Protein backbone atom coordinates (compact mmCIF):
# COMPACT_ATOMS: atom_id res chain seq x y z
CA MET A 1 46.05 -17.08 0.08
CA ASP A 2 42.48 -16.99 1.43
CA TRP A 3 39.89 -14.98 -0.47
CA LYS A 4 36.88 -14.40 1.73
CA LEU A 5 33.66 -12.82 0.60
CA GLU A 6 32.93 -10.25 3.31
CA VAL A 7 29.91 -8.16 2.26
CA VAL A 8 27.15 -8.41 -0.34
CA PRO A 9 25.40 -5.11 -1.10
CA VAL A 10 21.62 -5.43 -1.14
CA PRO A 11 19.77 -2.63 -2.97
CA VAL A 12 16.80 -1.36 -0.98
CA SER A 13 14.43 1.58 -1.27
CA ASP A 14 13.95 2.14 2.48
CA VAL A 15 16.80 1.34 4.86
CA ASP A 16 14.65 1.44 8.01
CA ARG A 17 12.07 -0.96 6.56
CA ALA A 18 14.79 -3.31 5.28
CA LYS A 19 16.71 -3.18 8.58
CA HIS A 20 13.55 -4.13 10.46
CA PHE A 21 12.89 -7.00 8.07
CA TYR A 22 16.39 -8.47 8.18
CA ALA A 23 17.03 -7.89 11.90
CA GLU A 24 13.62 -8.38 13.51
CA GLN A 25 11.99 -10.83 11.14
CA VAL A 26 14.77 -12.85 9.52
CA GLY A 27 17.05 -12.64 12.58
CA PHE A 28 20.28 -11.23 11.17
CA VAL A 29 22.60 -9.42 13.61
CA VAL A 30 23.06 -5.67 13.09
CA ASP A 31 26.81 -5.03 12.91
CA LEU A 32 26.84 -1.43 11.75
CA ASP A 33 24.36 1.38 11.22
CA THR A 34 26.10 4.56 10.09
CA ARG A 35 25.35 7.64 8.06
CA ILE A 36 28.02 8.45 5.47
CA SER A 37 26.32 11.66 4.29
CA ASP A 38 22.88 13.23 4.28
CA ASP A 39 21.93 10.91 1.43
CA ILE A 40 23.83 7.73 2.27
CA ARG A 41 23.25 5.45 5.25
CA LEU A 42 24.79 2.01 5.46
CA VAL A 43 23.45 -0.80 7.58
CA GLN A 44 25.45 -4.02 7.73
CA LEU A 45 23.89 -7.22 9.04
CA THR A 46 25.21 -10.77 9.37
CA PRO A 47 23.25 -14.02 9.35
CA PRO A 48 23.95 -15.96 12.57
CA GLY A 49 27.02 -18.17 12.03
CA SER A 50 27.98 -16.58 8.71
CA GLY A 51 31.34 -15.11 7.77
CA CYS A 52 29.67 -12.92 5.15
CA SER A 53 27.39 -9.95 5.79
CA ILE A 54 24.89 -7.98 3.78
CA GLN A 55 24.93 -4.21 3.46
CA LEU A 56 21.64 -2.40 2.93
CA ASN A 57 22.25 0.29 0.40
CA THR A 58 20.13 2.97 -1.26
CA ALA A 59 23.08 4.43 -3.19
CA LEU A 60 23.67 1.65 -5.73
CA LYS A 61 23.41 3.14 -9.21
CA LYS A 62 23.40 0.06 -11.46
CA VAL A 63 21.25 -2.28 -9.37
CA PRO A 64 17.80 -0.96 -8.41
CA PRO A 65 15.98 -2.21 -5.29
CA GLY A 66 14.50 -5.67 -5.64
CA MET A 67 16.75 -6.87 -8.47
CA LEU A 68 18.82 -9.45 -6.59
CA GLU A 69 17.89 -13.10 -6.88
CA GLY A 70 19.53 -16.29 -5.77
CA LEU A 71 21.02 -15.04 -2.49
CA LEU A 72 21.65 -18.37 -0.77
CA LEU A 73 21.69 -19.26 2.91
CA VAL A 74 22.50 -22.79 4.09
CA VAL A 75 21.07 -24.31 7.27
CA ALA A 76 21.31 -27.61 9.08
CA ASP A 77 17.52 -27.95 9.59
CA ILE A 78 15.23 -26.63 6.85
CA GLU A 79 12.05 -27.25 8.87
CA ALA A 80 13.37 -25.21 11.80
CA ALA A 81 14.57 -22.46 9.46
CA ARG A 82 11.18 -22.21 7.75
CA GLU A 83 9.35 -22.19 11.08
CA HIS A 84 11.67 -19.43 12.32
CA LEU A 85 10.86 -17.28 9.29
CA VAL A 86 7.11 -17.90 9.33
CA SER A 87 6.83 -17.34 13.10
CA ARG A 88 8.38 -13.88 12.60
CA GLY A 89 6.00 -12.91 9.82
CA VAL A 90 8.16 -13.69 6.79
CA GLU A 91 6.23 -15.10 3.84
CA ALA A 92 8.28 -18.22 3.15
CA SER A 93 7.47 -20.92 0.63
CA PRO A 94 6.75 -24.48 1.66
CA ILE A 95 9.78 -26.78 1.62
CA ARG A 96 10.50 -27.86 -1.96
CA HIS A 97 13.01 -29.88 -3.89
CA MET A 98 13.95 -30.31 -7.52
CA ALA A 99 12.89 -33.55 -9.24
CA ASN A 100 13.13 -34.11 -12.99
CA GLY A 101 13.57 -30.40 -13.59
CA GLU A 102 10.52 -29.31 -11.59
CA TRP A 103 9.90 -28.04 -8.06
CA VAL A 104 7.91 -30.48 -5.91
CA ALA A 105 6.90 -30.49 -2.24
CA GLY A 106 9.14 -31.86 0.50
CA HIS A 107 12.74 -33.03 0.80
CA GLY A 108 14.64 -34.52 -2.09
CA GLY A 109 17.80 -35.88 -0.46
CA ASP A 110 21.19 -34.34 0.30
CA TRP A 111 21.43 -30.67 -0.71
CA ASN A 112 17.91 -30.88 -2.20
CA ALA A 113 15.56 -29.15 0.26
CA PHE A 114 14.79 -25.44 -0.20
CA VAL A 115 12.65 -22.59 1.12
CA PHE A 116 12.23 -19.30 -0.74
CA PHE A 117 11.43 -15.81 0.53
CA SER A 118 11.79 -12.18 -0.56
CA ASP A 119 12.53 -8.96 1.29
CA PRO A 120 10.08 -6.02 1.16
CA ASP A 121 11.73 -4.72 -2.05
CA GLY A 122 11.58 -8.10 -3.78
CA ASN A 123 15.21 -9.23 -3.41
CA GLU A 124 14.92 -13.02 -3.54
CA TRP A 125 16.50 -15.41 -1.06
CA ILE A 126 16.93 -19.18 -1.06
CA VAL A 127 17.41 -21.26 2.09
CA GLN A 128 18.99 -24.65 1.41
CA GLU A 129 19.44 -27.55 3.82
CA ARG A 130 23.04 -28.72 4.14
CA PRO A 131 23.50 -32.42 4.94
CA ALA A 132 24.73 -33.11 8.48
CA SER A 133 27.98 -34.59 7.11
CA SER A 134 28.92 -31.42 5.16
C-alpha cells in the first residue's frame, strides 16, 4: 500500500500576501483558491515537479503563523534554485553546507548543499541539492 503525503498546511496571517509570495516569488503553481466560509479561505499551491502541495491556512488553531521550520525542498541544481529565488525578490541565504557541526559557505558533497529562506510570516524553508544519481 502506498502512503503519499498530499498536503502540508502552512499557517499564515494574510492569505493574499502569502499566495503572492509562494506563486509569484517562489514559483509554486496555484492549484486551488476557494472560500469555505466568510472566515476561511484555502489556497493550495504545488512546487513544480512535486507530488505534495502546501495549503495556506489562517484557520489553524494550534500552530500560529510563522511557526513552521524545516520545510524541505530538493532540487537538482542549488545554484539555479538560489538564483531563481533571489531574482524574484526572495531573501535567500548563500549556499551553505554542514562541516564538523557548523554551517560553512559553498557545497559540501552529495546531499550537503543548502539554501534557506522564509515566507513573509517567518515559516522557514530549506532547499537542498539532490545528487544527480538520486
